[in-house]
């Protein structure tokens, strides 16, 4: 049995300015194949979306863990991207441009 990380993306809601709020979520799944990992990830993601009343993007991405035991500093997700942007520009575009900061009541 291996551990897999499975990433799903959700439309979590709309803020007071009319901007969409998205959630990128990674869960760990222990199983013996990518096929089962995807199947379990889909079921878990659908249940999560239903229990929170949110929409789910129909694709999950799975990542097979490269070790047997979860230990300190264990890598649970790694994904590569290519771009002609600098590291600073890429980070700003991917992580800060659309950063959600909850509204204060």
PDB file of N, CA and C in Angstrom:
ATOM      1  N   UNK A   1       0.844  -1.181   0.000  1.00  0.00           N
ATOM      2  CA  UNK A   1       0.000   0.000   0.000  1.00  0.00           C
ATOM      3  C   UNK A   1       0.890   1.245   0.000  1.00  0.00           C
ATOM      4  N   UNK A   2       0.478   2.215  -0.777  1.00  0.00           N
ATOM      5  CA  UNK A   2       1.206   3.477  -0.870  1.00  0.00           C
ATOM      6  C   UNK A   2       0.299   4.632  -0.474  1.00  0.00           C
ATOM      7  N   UNK A   3       0.934   5.736  -0.104  1.00  0.00           N
ATOM      8  CA  UNK A   3       0.200   6.963   0.168  1.00  0.00           C
ATOM      9  C   UNK A   3       0.185   7.822  -1.076  1.00  0.00           C
ATOM     10  N   UNK A   4      -0.959   8.470  -1.320  1.00  0.00           N
ATOM     11  CA  UNK A   4      -1.124   9.391  -2.437  1.00  0.00           C
ATOM     12  C   UNK A   4      -1.667  10.708  -1.883  1.00  0.00           C
ATOM     13  N   UNK A   5      -1.211  11.795  -2.459  1.00  0.00           N
ATOM     14  CA  UNK A   5      -1.824  13.088  -2.201  1.00  0.00           C
ATOM     15  C   UNK A   5      -2.772  13.355  -3.356  1.00  0.00           C
ATOM     16  N   UNK A   6      -3.966  13.821  -3.068  1.00  0.00           N
ATOM     17  CA  UNK A   6      -4.948  14.102  -4.117  1.00  0.00           C
ATOM     18  C   UNK A   6      -5.423  15.536  -3.968  1.00  0.00           C
ATOM     19  N   UNK A   7      -5.237  16.322  -5.042  1.00  0.00           N
ATOM     20  CA  UNK A   7      -5.628  17.736  -5.009  1.00  0.00           C
ATOM     21  C   UNK A   7      -6.932  17.943  -5.761  1.00  0.00           C
ATOM     22  N   UNK A   8      -7.823  18.683  -5.127  1.00  0.00           N
ATOM     23  CA  UNK A   8      -9.097  19.055  -5.741  1.00  0.00           C
ATOM     24  C   UNK A   8      -9.258  20.564  -5.618  1.00  0.00           C
ATOM     25  N   UNK A   9     -10.038  21.150  -6.521  1.00  0.00           N
ATOM     26  CA  UNK A   9     -10.300  22.587  -6.514  1.00  0.00           C
ATOM     27  C   UNK A   9     -11.805  22.803  -6.441  1.00  0.00           C
ATOM     28  N   UNK A  10     -12.217  23.762  -5.605  1.00  0.00           N
ATOM     29  CA  UNK A  10     -13.628  24.022  -5.357  1.00  0.00           C
ATOM     30  C   UNK A  10     -13.953  25.500  -5.545  1.00  0.00           C
ATOM     31  N   UNK A  11     -15.194  25.764  -5.936  1.00  0.00           N
ATOM     32  CA  UNK A  11     -15.725  27.131  -5.906  1.00  0.00           C
ATOM     33  C   UNK A  11     -16.399  27.247  -4.553  1.00  0.00           C
ATOM     34  N   UNK A  12     -15.769  27.989  -3.655  1.00  0.00           N
ATOM     35  CA  UNK A  12     -16.198  28.029  -2.267  1.00  0.00           C
ATOM     36  C   UNK A  12     -17.266  29.077  -1.990  1.00  0.00           C
ATOM     37  N   UNK A  13     -17.392  30.066  -2.862  1.00  0.00           N
ATOM     38  CA  UNK A  13     -18.406  31.087  -2.647  1.00  0.00           C
ATOM     39  C   UNK A  13     -18.050  32.370  -3.358  1.00  0.00           C
ATOM     40  N   UNK A  14     -18.744  33.428  -3.002  1.00  0.00           N
ATOM     41  CA  UNK A  14     -18.541  34.752  -3.589  1.00  0.00           C
ATOM     42  C   UNK A  14     -18.468  35.748  -2.432  1.00  0.00           C
ATOM     43  N   UNK A  15     -17.477  36.650  -2.479  1.00  0.00           N
ATOM     44  CA  UNK A  15     -17.374  37.628  -1.394  1.00  0.00           C
ATOM     45  C   UNK A  15     -18.285  38.827  -1.661  1.00  0.00           C
ATOM     46  N   UNK A  16     -18.276  39.793  -0.759  1.00  0.00           N
ATOM     47  CA  UNK A  16     -19.190  40.930  -0.859  1.00  0.00           C
ATOM     48  C   UNK A  16     -18.902  41.824  -2.064  1.00  0.00           C
ATOM     49  N   UNK A  17     -17.720  41.712  -2.649  1.00  0.00           N
ATOM     50  CA  UNK A  17     -17.380  42.487  -3.845  1.00  0.00           C
ATOM     51  C   UNK A  17     -17.707  41.727  -5.133  1.00  0.00           C
ATOM     52  N   UNK A  18     -18.299  40.536  -4.990  1.00  0.00           N
ATOM     53  CA  UNK A  18     -18.674  39.742  -6.144  1.00  0.00           C
ATOM     54  C   UNK A  18     -17.549  38.888  -6.712  1.00  0.00           C
ATOM     55  N   UNK A  19     -16.430  38.777  -5.989  1.00  0.00           N
ATOM     56  CA  UNK A  19     -15.314  37.958  -6.453  1.00  0.00           C
ATOM     57  C   UNK A  19     -15.499  36.512  -6.010  1.00  0.00           C
ATOM     58  N   UNK A  20     -15.187  35.588  -6.891  1.00  0.00           N
ATOM     59  CA  UNK A  20     -15.274  34.175  -6.560  1.00  0.00           C
ATOM     60  C   UNK A  20     -14.174  33.783  -5.591  1.00  0.00           C
ATOM     61  N   UNK A  21     -14.500  32.885  -4.676  1.00  0.00           N
ATOM     62  CA  UNK A  21     -13.545  32.330  -3.727  1.00  0.00           C
ATOM     63  C   UNK A  21     -13.347  30.866  -4.105  1.00  0.00           C
ATOM     64  N   UNK A  22     -12.090  30.475  -4.331  1.00  0.00           N
ATOM     65  CA  UNK A  22     -11.753  29.104  -4.701  1.00  0.00           C
ATOM     66  C   UNK A  22     -10.912  28.479  -3.601  1.00  0.00           C
ATOM     67  N   UNK A  23     -11.072  27.187  -3.424  1.00  0.00           N
ATOM     68  CA  UNK A  23     -10.250  26.444  -2.470  1.00  0.00           C
ATOM     69  C   UNK A  23      -9.493  25.358  -3.221  1.00  0.00           C
ATOM     70  N   UNK A  24      -8.186  25.298  -3.006  1.00  0.00           N
ATOM     71  CA  UNK A  24      -7.338  24.211  -3.497  1.00  0.00           C
ATOM     72  C   UNK A  24      -7.030  23.365  -2.273  1.00  0.00           C
ATOM     73  N   UNK A  25      -7.375  22.075  -2.330  1.00  0.00           N
ATOM     74  CA  UNK A  25      -7.310  21.219  -1.144  1.00  0.00           C
ATOM     75  C   UNK A  25      -6.596  19.922  -1.487  1.00  0.00           C
ATOM     76  N   UNK A  26      -5.667  19.492  -0.632  1.00  0.00           N
ATOM     77  CA  UNK A  26      -4.942  18.238  -0.824  1.00  0.00           C
ATOM     78  C   UNK A  26      -5.253  17.319   0.351  1.00  0.00           C
ATOM     79  N   UNK A  27      -5.651  16.081   0.039  1.00  0.00           N
ATOM     80  CA  UNK A  27      -5.889  15.076   1.076  1.00  0.00           C
ATOM     81  C   UNK A  27      -4.970  13.884   0.813  1.00  0.00           C
ATOM     82  N   UNK A  28      -4.679  13.120   1.868  1.00  0.00           N
ATOM     83  CA  UNK A  28      -3.847  11.920   1.748  1.00  0.00           C
ATOM     84  C   UNK A  28      -4.732  10.686   1.693  1.00  0.00           C
ATOM     85  N   UNK A  29      -4.375   9.772   0.809  1.00  0.00           N
ATOM     86  CA  UNK A  29      -5.144   8.545   0.609  1.00  0.00           C
ATOM     87  C   UNK A  29      -4.170   7.375   0.571  1.00  0.00           C
ATOM     88  N   UNK A  30      -4.466   6.316   1.299  1.00  0.00           N
ATOM     89  CA  UNK A  30      -3.613   5.122   1.300  1.00  0.00           C
ATOM     90  C   UNK A  30      -4.322   4.026   0.513  1.00  0.00           C
ATOM     91  N   UNK A  31      -3.668   3.561  -0.553  1.00  0.00           N
ATOM     92  CA  UNK A  31      -4.247   2.523  -1.406  1.00  0.00           C
ATOM     93  C   UNK A  31      -3.131   1.874  -2.231  1.00  0.00           C
ATOM     94  N   UNK A  32      -3.500   0.946  -3.098  1.00  0.00           N
ATOM     95  CA  UNK A  32      -2.467   0.218  -3.839  1.00  0.00           C
ATOM     96  C   UNK A  32      -2.352   0.578  -5.320  1.00  0.00           C
ATOM     97  N   UNK A  33      -3.072   1.631  -5.786  1.00  0.00           N
ATOM     98  CA  UNK A  33      -2.938   2.010  -7.195  1.00  0.00           C
ATOM     99  C   UNK A  33      -3.423   3.437  -7.431  1.00  0.00           C
ATOM    100  N   UNK A  34      -2.912   4.043  -8.525  1.00  0.00           N
ATOM    101  CA  UNK A  34      -3.389   5.373  -8.915  1.00  0.00           C
ATOM    102  C   UNK A  34      -4.895   5.333  -9.192  1.00  0.00           C
ATOM    103  N   UNK A  35      -5.349   4.277  -9.838  1.00  0.00           N
ATOM    104  CA  UNK A  35      -6.770   4.168 -10.183  1.00  0.00           C
ATOM    105  C   UNK A  35      -7.639   4.239  -8.926  1.00  0.00           C
ATOM    106  N   UNK A  36      -7.268   3.493  -7.899  1.00  0.00           N
ATOM    107  CA  UNK A  36      -8.033   3.527  -6.648  1.00  0.00           C
ATOM    108  C   UNK A  36      -7.885   4.875  -5.952  1.00  0.00           C
ATOM    109  N   UNK A  37      -6.688   5.452  -6.025  1.00  0.00           N
ATOM    110  CA  UNK A  37      -6.478   6.769  -5.407  1.00  0.00           C
ATOM    111  C   UNK A  37      -7.400   7.802  -6.046  1.00  0.00           C
ATOM    112  N   UNK A  38      -7.483   7.789  -7.387  1.00  0.00           N
ATOM    113  CA  UNK A  38      -8.370   8.726  -8.079  1.00  0.00           C
ATOM    114  C   UNK A  38      -9.832   8.479  -7.702  1.00  0.00           C
ATOM    115  N   UNK A  39     -10.215   7.230  -7.645  1.00  0.00           N
ATOM    116  CA  UNK A  39     -11.596   6.893  -7.303  1.00  0.00           C
ATOM    117  C   UNK A  39     -11.938   7.374  -5.888  1.00  0.00           C
ATOM    118  N   UNK A  40     -11.056   7.102  -4.951  1.00  0.00           N
ATOM    119  CA  UNK A  40     -11.298   7.533  -3.566  1.00  0.00           C
ATOM    120  C   UNK A  40     -11.245   9.049  -3.443  1.00  0.00           C
ATOM    121  N   UNK A  41     -10.336   9.668  -4.202  1.00  0.00           N
ATOM    122  CA  UNK A  41     -10.234  11.134  -4.180  1.00  0.00           C
ATOM    123  C   UNK A  41     -11.523  11.756  -4.700  1.00  0.00           C
ATOM    124  N   UNK A  42     -12.054  11.220  -5.773  1.00  0.00           N
ATOM    125  CA  UNK A  42     -13.304  11.744  -6.332  1.00  0.00           C
ATOM    126  C   UNK A  42     -14.428  11.618  -5.316  1.00  0.00           C
ATOM    127  N   UNK A  43     -14.552  10.442  -4.697  1.00  0.00           N
ATOM    128  CA  UNK A  43     -15.617  10.232  -3.718  1.00  0.00           C
ATOM    129  C   UNK A  43     -15.464  11.188  -2.538  1.00  0.00           C
ATOM    130  N   UNK A  44     -14.241  11.324  -2.022  1.00  0.00           N
ATOM    131  CA  UNK A  44     -13.994  12.217  -0.891  1.00  0.00           C
ATOM    132  C   UNK A  44     -14.293  13.659  -1.270  1.00  0.00           C
ATOM    133  N   UNK A  45     -13.865  14.074  -2.469  1.00  0.00           N
ATOM    134  CA  UNK A  45     -14.082  15.449  -2.929  1.00  0.00           C
ATOM    135  C   UNK A  45     -15.569  15.740  -3.121  1.00  0.00           C
ATOM    136  N   UNK A  46     -16.294  14.787  -3.678  1.00  0.00           N
ATOM    137  CA  UNK A  46     -17.733  14.967  -3.867  1.00  0.00           C
ATOM    138  C   UNK A  46     -18.443  15.089  -2.525  1.00  0.00           C
ATOM    139  N   UNK A  47     -18.052  14.262  -1.552  1.00  0.00           N
ATOM    140  CA  UNK A  47     -18.657  14.333  -0.219  1.00  0.00           C
ATOM    141  C   UNK A  47     -18.328  15.660   0.454  1.00  0.00           C
ATOM    142  N   UNK A  48     -17.078  16.119   0.296  1.00  0.00           N
ATOM    143  CA  UNK A  48     -16.669  17.396   0.879  1.00  0.00           C
ATOM    144  C   UNK A  48     -17.478  18.537   0.269  1.00  0.00           C
ATOM    145  N   UNK A  49     -17.607  18.527  -1.056  1.00  0.00           N
ATOM    146  CA  UNK A  49     -18.365  19.574  -1.746  1.00  0.00           C
ATOM    147  C   UNK A  49     -19.827  19.558  -1.306  1.00  0.00           C
ATOM    148  N   UNK A  50     -20.411  18.374  -1.264  1.00  0.00           N
ATOM    149  CA  UNK A  50     -21.823  18.265  -0.873  1.00  0.00           C
ATOM    150  C   UNK A  50     -22.041  18.717   0.567  1.00  0.00           C
ATOM    151  N   UNK A  51     -21.163  18.299   1.475  1.00  0.00           N
ATOM    152  CA  UNK A  51     -21.354  18.656   2.883  1.00  0.00           C
ATOM    153  C   UNK A  51     -21.151  20.153   3.133  1.00  0.00           C
ATOM    154  N   UNK A  52     -20.437  20.836   2.235  1.00  0.00           N
ATOM    155  CA  UNK A  52     -20.212  22.276   2.379  1.00  0.00           C
ATOM    156  C   UNK A  52     -21.065  23.108   1.432  1.00  0.00           C
ATOM    157  N   UNK A  53     -21.873  22.447   0.594  1.00  0.00           N
ATOM    158  CA  UNK A  53     -22.743  23.167  -0.332  1.00  0.00           C
ATOM    159  C   UNK A  53     -21.960  23.969  -1.365  1.00  0.00           C
ATOM    160  N   UNK A  54     -20.853  23.399  -1.859  1.00  0.00           N
ATOM    161  CA  UNK A  54     -19.997  24.100  -2.817  1.00  0.00           C
ATOM    162  C   UNK A  54     -19.832  23.274  -4.089  1.00  0.00           C
ATOM    163  N   UNK A  55     -19.315  23.912  -5.137  1.00  0.00           N
ATOM    164  CA  UNK A  55     -19.077  23.230  -6.409  1.00  0.00           C
ATOM    165  C   UNK A  55     -17.638  22.746  -6.482  1.00  0.00           C
ATOM    166  N   UNK A  56     -17.456  21.598  -7.134  1.00  0.00           N
ATOM    167  CA  UNK A  56     -16.146  20.983  -7.280  1.00  0.00           C
ATOM    168  C   UNK A  56     -15.744  20.973  -8.746  1.00  0.00           C
ATOM    169  N   UNK A  57     -14.499  21.330  -9.054  1.00  0.00           N
ATOM    170  CA  UNK A  57     -13.989  21.157 -10.408  1.00  0.00           C
ATOM    171  C   UNK A  57     -13.862  19.655 -10.629  1.00  0.00           C
ATOM    172  N   UNK A  58     -14.265  19.126 -11.801  1.00  0.00           N
ATOM    173  CA  UNK A  58     -14.370  17.682 -11.980  1.00  0.00           C
ATOM    174  C   UNK A  58     -13.056  16.903 -12.040  1.00  0.00           C
ATOM    175  N   UNK A  59     -11.915  17.559 -12.005  1.00  0.00           N
ATOM    176  CA  UNK A  59     -10.645  16.833 -12.107  1.00  0.00           C
ATOM    177  C   UNK A  59      -9.897  16.858 -10.774  1.00  0.00           C
ATOM    178  N   UNK A  60      -9.340  15.716 -10.399  1.00  0.00           N
ATOM    179  CA  UNK A  60      -8.425  15.636  -9.265  1.00  0.00           C
ATOM    180  C   UNK A  60      -7.066  15.236  -9.831  1.00  0.00           C
ATOM    181  N   UNK A  61      -6.018  15.732  -9.187  1.00  0.00           N
ATOM    182  CA  UNK A  61      -4.660  15.366  -9.564  1.00  0.00           C
ATOM    183  C   UNK A  61      -4.077  14.591  -8.394  1.00  0.00           C
ATOM    184  N   UNK A  62      -3.519  13.403  -8.667  1.00  0.00           N
ATOM    185  CA  UNK A  62      -2.938  12.583  -7.606  1.00  0.00           C
ATOM    186  C   UNK A  62      -1.423  12.553  -7.732  1.00  0.00           C
ATOM    187  N   UNK A  63      -0.776  12.447  -6.604  1.00  0.00           N
ATOM    188  CA  UNK A  63       0.675  12.421  -6.501  1.00  0.00           C
ATOM    189  C   UNK A  63       1.048  11.253  -5.606  1.00  0.00           C
ATOM    190  N   UNK A  64       1.800  10.286  -6.138  1.00  0.00           N
ATOM    191  CA  UNK A  64       2.211   9.136  -5.330  1.00  0.00           C
ATOM    192  C   UNK A  64       3.379   9.534  -4.445  1.00  0.00           C
ATOM    193  N   UNK A  65       3.230   9.283  -3.159  1.00  0.00           N
ATOM    194  CA  UNK A  65       4.288   9.591  -2.210  1.00  0.00           C
ATOM    195  C   UNK A  65       5.485   8.670  -2.444  1.00  0.00           C
ATOM    196  N   UNK A  66       6.677   9.174  -2.181  1.00  0.00           N
ATOM    197  CA  UNK A  66       7.873   8.398  -2.506  1.00  0.00           C
ATOM    198  C   UNK A  66       8.475   7.662  -1.318  1.00  0.00           C
ATOM    199  N   UNK A  67       7.738   7.498  -0.249  1.00  0.00           N
ATOM    200  CA  UNK A  67       8.220   6.765   0.921  1.00  0.00           C
ATOM    201  C   UNK A  67       7.091   6.027   1.589  1.00  0.00           C
ATOM    202  N   UNK A  68       7.432   5.198   2.536  1.00  0.00           N
ATOM    203  CA  UNK A  68       6.425   4.384   3.210  1.00  0.00           C
ATOM    204  C   UNK A  68       5.859   5.040   4.463  1.00  0.00           C
ATOM    205  N   UNK A  69       6.704   5.773   5.208  1.00  0.00           N
ATOM    206  CA  UNK A  69       6.249   6.329   6.473  1.00  0.00           C
ATOM    207  C   UNK A  69       6.193   7.845   6.390  1.00  0.00           C
ATOM    208  N   UNK A  70       5.174   8.412   7.014  1.00  0.00           N
ATOM    209  CA  UNK A  70       5.101   9.865   7.131  1.00  0.00           C
ATOM    210  C   UNK A  70       5.974  10.258   8.310  1.00  0.00           C
ATOM    211  N   UNK A  71       7.038  10.993   8.028  1.00  0.00           N
ATOM    212  CA  UNK A  71       7.991  11.397   9.046  1.00  0.00           C
ATOM    213  C   UNK A  71       8.190  12.909   8.989  1.00  0.00           C
ATOM    214  N   UNK A  72       8.907  13.468   9.942  1.00  0.00           N
ATOM    215  CA  UNK A  72       9.185  14.897   9.959  1.00  0.00           C
ATOM    216  C   UNK A  72       9.784  15.332   8.626  1.00  0.00           C
ATOM    217  N   UNK A  73       9.269  16.426   8.078  1.00  0.00           N
ATOM    218  CA  UNK A  73       9.711  17.010   6.804  1.00  0.00           C
ATOM    219  C   UNK A  73       9.397  16.141   5.585  1.00  0.00           C
ATOM    220  N   UNK A  74       8.448  15.239   5.712  1.00  0.00           N
ATOM    221  CA  UNK A  74       8.060  14.379   4.596  1.00  0.00           C
ATOM    222  C   UNK A  74       7.333  15.199   3.537  1.00  0.00           C
ATOM    223  N   UNK A  75       7.699  15.034   2.297  1.00  0.00           N
ATOM    224  CA  UNK A  75       7.062  15.771   1.198  1.00  0.00           C
ATOM    225  C   UNK A  75       5.705  15.150   0.884  1.00  0.00           C
ATOM    226  N   UNK A  76       4.638  15.935   1.014  1.00  0.00           N
ATOM    227  CA  UNK A  76       3.304  15.416   0.720  1.00  0.00           C
ATOM    228  C   UNK A  76       2.770  15.874  -0.631  1.00  0.00           C
ATOM    229  N   UNK A  77       3.415  16.869  -1.255  1.00  0.00           N
ATOM    230  CA  UNK A  77       2.970  17.294  -2.579  1.00  0.00           C
ATOM    231  C   UNK A  77       4.106  18.005  -3.287  1.00  0.00           C
ATOM    232  N   UNK A  78       4.263  17.717  -4.571  1.00  0.00           N
ATOM    233  CA  UNK A  78       5.248  18.414  -5.388  1.00  0.00           C
ATOM    234  C   UNK A  78       4.689  18.503  -6.796  1.00  0.00           C
ATOM    235  N   UNK A  79       4.737  19.682  -7.393  1.00  0.00           N
ATOM    236  CA  UNK A  79       4.234  19.873  -8.750  1.00  0.00           C
ATOM    237  C   UNK A  79       5.152  20.854  -9.460  1.00  0.00           C
ATOM    238  N   UNK A  80       5.512  20.559 -10.699  1.00  0.00           N
ATOM    239  CA  UNK A  80       6.403  21.411 -11.478  1.00  0.00           C
ATOM    240  C   UNK A  80       5.613  22.239 -12.476  1.00  0.00           C
ATOM    241  N   UNK A  81       6.079  23.453 -12.723  1.00  0.00           N
ATOM    242  CA  UNK A  81       5.465  24.364 -13.687  1.00  0.00           C
ATOM    243  C   UNK A  81       6.565  24.904 -14.591  1.00  0.00           C
ATOM    244  N   UNK A  82       6.191  25.328 -15.794  1.00  0.00           N
ATOM    245  CA  UNK A  82       7.159  26.013 -16.643  1.00  0.00           C
ATOM    246  C   UNK A  82       6.595  27.349 -17.077  1.00  0.00           C
ATOM    247  N   UNK A  83       7.464  28.340 -17.154  1.00  0.00           N
ATOM    248  CA  UNK A  83       7.029  29.694 -17.478  1.00  0.00           C
ATOM    249  C   UNK A  83       8.248  30.529 -17.829  1.00  0.00           C
ATOM    250  N   UNK A  84       8.027  31.606 -18.560  1.00  0.00           N
ATOM    251  CA  UNK A  84       9.118  32.535 -18.816  1.00  0.00           C
ATOM    252  C   UNK A  84       9.158  33.634 -17.752  1.00  0.00           C
ATOM    253  N   UNK A  85       8.300  33.542 -16.739  1.00  0.00           N
ATOM    254  CA  UNK A  85       8.280  34.519 -15.652  1.00  0.00           C
ATOM    255  C   UNK A  85       9.432  34.253 -14.688  1.00  0.00           C
ATOM    256  N   UNK A  86       9.836  35.301 -13.972  1.00  0.00           N
ATOM    257  CA  UNK A  86      10.808  35.134 -12.891  1.00  0.00           C
ATOM    258  C   UNK A  86      10.114  34.417 -11.728  1.00  0.00           C
ATOM    259  N   UNK A  87      10.897  33.939 -10.781  1.00  0.00           N
ATOM    260  CA  UNK A  87      10.327  33.292  -9.600  1.00  0.00           C
ATOM    261  C   UNK A  87       9.386  34.253  -8.876  1.00  0.00           C
ATOM    262  N   UNK A  88       9.806  35.499  -8.717  1.00  0.00           N
ATOM    263  CA  UNK A  88       8.973  36.502  -8.043  1.00  0.00           C
ATOM    264  C   UNK A  88       7.647  36.706  -8.778  1.00  0.00           C
ATOM    265  N   UNK A  89       7.707  36.861 -10.103  1.00  0.00           N
ATOM    266  CA  UNK A  89       6.493  37.074 -10.900  1.00  0.00           C
ATOM    267  C   UNK A  89       5.582  35.859 -10.860  1.00  0.00           C
ATOM    268  N   UNK A  90       6.165  34.674 -10.966  1.00  0.00           N
ATOM    269  CA  UNK A  90       5.372  33.445 -10.911  1.00  0.00           C
ATOM    270  C   UNK A  90       4.658  33.344  -9.567  1.00  0.00           C
ATOM    271  N   UNK A  91       5.379  33.592  -8.479  1.00  0.00           N
ATOM    272  CA  UNK A  91       4.781  33.515  -7.153  1.00  0.00           C
ATOM    273  C   UNK A  91       3.643  34.523  -7.009  1.00  0.00           C
ATOM    274  N   UNK A  92       3.883  35.744  -7.457  1.00  0.00           N
ATOM    275  CA  UNK A  92       2.852  36.784  -7.389  1.00  0.00           C
ATOM    276  C   UNK A  92       1.604  36.354  -8.169  1.00  0.00           C
ATOM    277  N   UNK A  93       1.786  35.826  -9.367  1.00  0.00           N
ATOM    278  CA  UNK A  93       0.658  35.430 -10.227  1.00  0.00           C
ATOM    279  C   UNK A  93      -0.102  34.237  -9.650  1.00  0.00           C
ATOM    280  N   UNK A  94       0.611  33.228  -9.223  1.00  0.00           N
ATOM    281  CA  UNK A  94      -0.038  31.994  -8.774  1.00  0.00           C
ATOM    282  C   UNK A  94      -0.593  32.092  -7.359  1.00  0.00           C
ATOM    283  N   UNK A  95       0.128  32.752  -6.461  1.00  0.00           N
ATOM    284  CA  UNK A  95      -0.260  32.693  -5.061  1.00  0.00           C
ATOM    285  C   UNK A  95      -0.776  33.999  -4.463  1.00  0.00           C
ATOM    286  N   UNK A  96      -0.380  35.130  -4.980  1.00  0.00           N
ATOM    287  CA  UNK A  96      -0.800  36.377  -4.354  1.00  0.00           C
ATOM    288  C   UNK A  96      -1.861  37.140  -5.129  1.00  0.00           C
ATOM    289  N   UNK A  97      -1.861  37.029  -6.436  1.00  0.00           N
ATOM    290  CA  UNK A  97      -2.817  37.777  -7.246  1.00  0.00           C
ATOM    291  C   UNK A  97      -4.257  37.462  -6.847  1.00  0.00           C
ATOM    292  N   UNK A  98      -4.516  36.212  -6.524  1.00  0.00           N
ATOM    293  CA  UNK A  98      -5.880  35.789  -6.222  1.00  0.00           C
ATOM    294  C   UNK A  98      -6.054  35.372  -4.758  1.00  0.00           C
ATOM    295  N   UNK A  99      -5.139  35.786  -3.899  1.00  0.00           N
ATOM    296  CA  UNK A  99      -5.189  35.411  -2.493  1.00  0.00           C
ATOM    297  C   UNK A  99      -6.499  35.869  -1.849  1.00  0.00           C
ATOM    298  N   UNK A 100      -7.141  34.975  -1.153  1.00  0.00           N
ATOM    299  CA  UNK A 100      -8.389  35.294  -0.454  1.00  0.00           C
ATOM    300  C   UNK A 100      -8.069  35.667   0.989  1.00  0.00           C
ATOM    301  N   UNK A 101      -8.535  36.798   1.400  1.00  0.00           N
ATOM    302  CA  UNK A 101      -8.426  37.240   2.788  1.00  0.00           C
ATOM    303  C   UNK A 101      -9.854  37.391   3.310  1.00  0.00           C
ATOM    304  N   UNK A 102     -10.247  36.576   4.299  1.00  0.00           N
ATOM    305  CA  UNK A 102     -11.627  36.641   4.791  1.00  0.00           C
ATOM    306  C   UNK A 102     -12.010  38.042   5.246  1.00  0.00           C
ATOM    307  N   UNK A 103     -13.241  38.387   4.969  1.00  0.00           N
ATOM    308  CA  UNK A 103     -13.768  39.702   5.365  1.00  0.00           C
ATOM    309  C   UNK A 103     -13.989  39.718   6.858  1.00  0.00           C
ATOM    310  N   UNK A 104     -13.708  40.839   7.474  1.00  0.00           N
ATOM    311  CA  UNK A 104     -13.946  41.000   8.903  1.00  0.00           C
ATOM    312  C   UNK A 104     -15.363  41.512   9.125  1.00  0.00           C
ATOM    313  N   UNK A 105     -16.074  40.864  10.018  1.00  0.00           N
ATOM    314  CA  UNK A 105     -17.463  41.258  10.292  1.00  0.00           C
ATOM    315  C   UNK A 105     -17.549  42.409  11.242  1.00  0.00           C
TER     316      UNK A 105
END
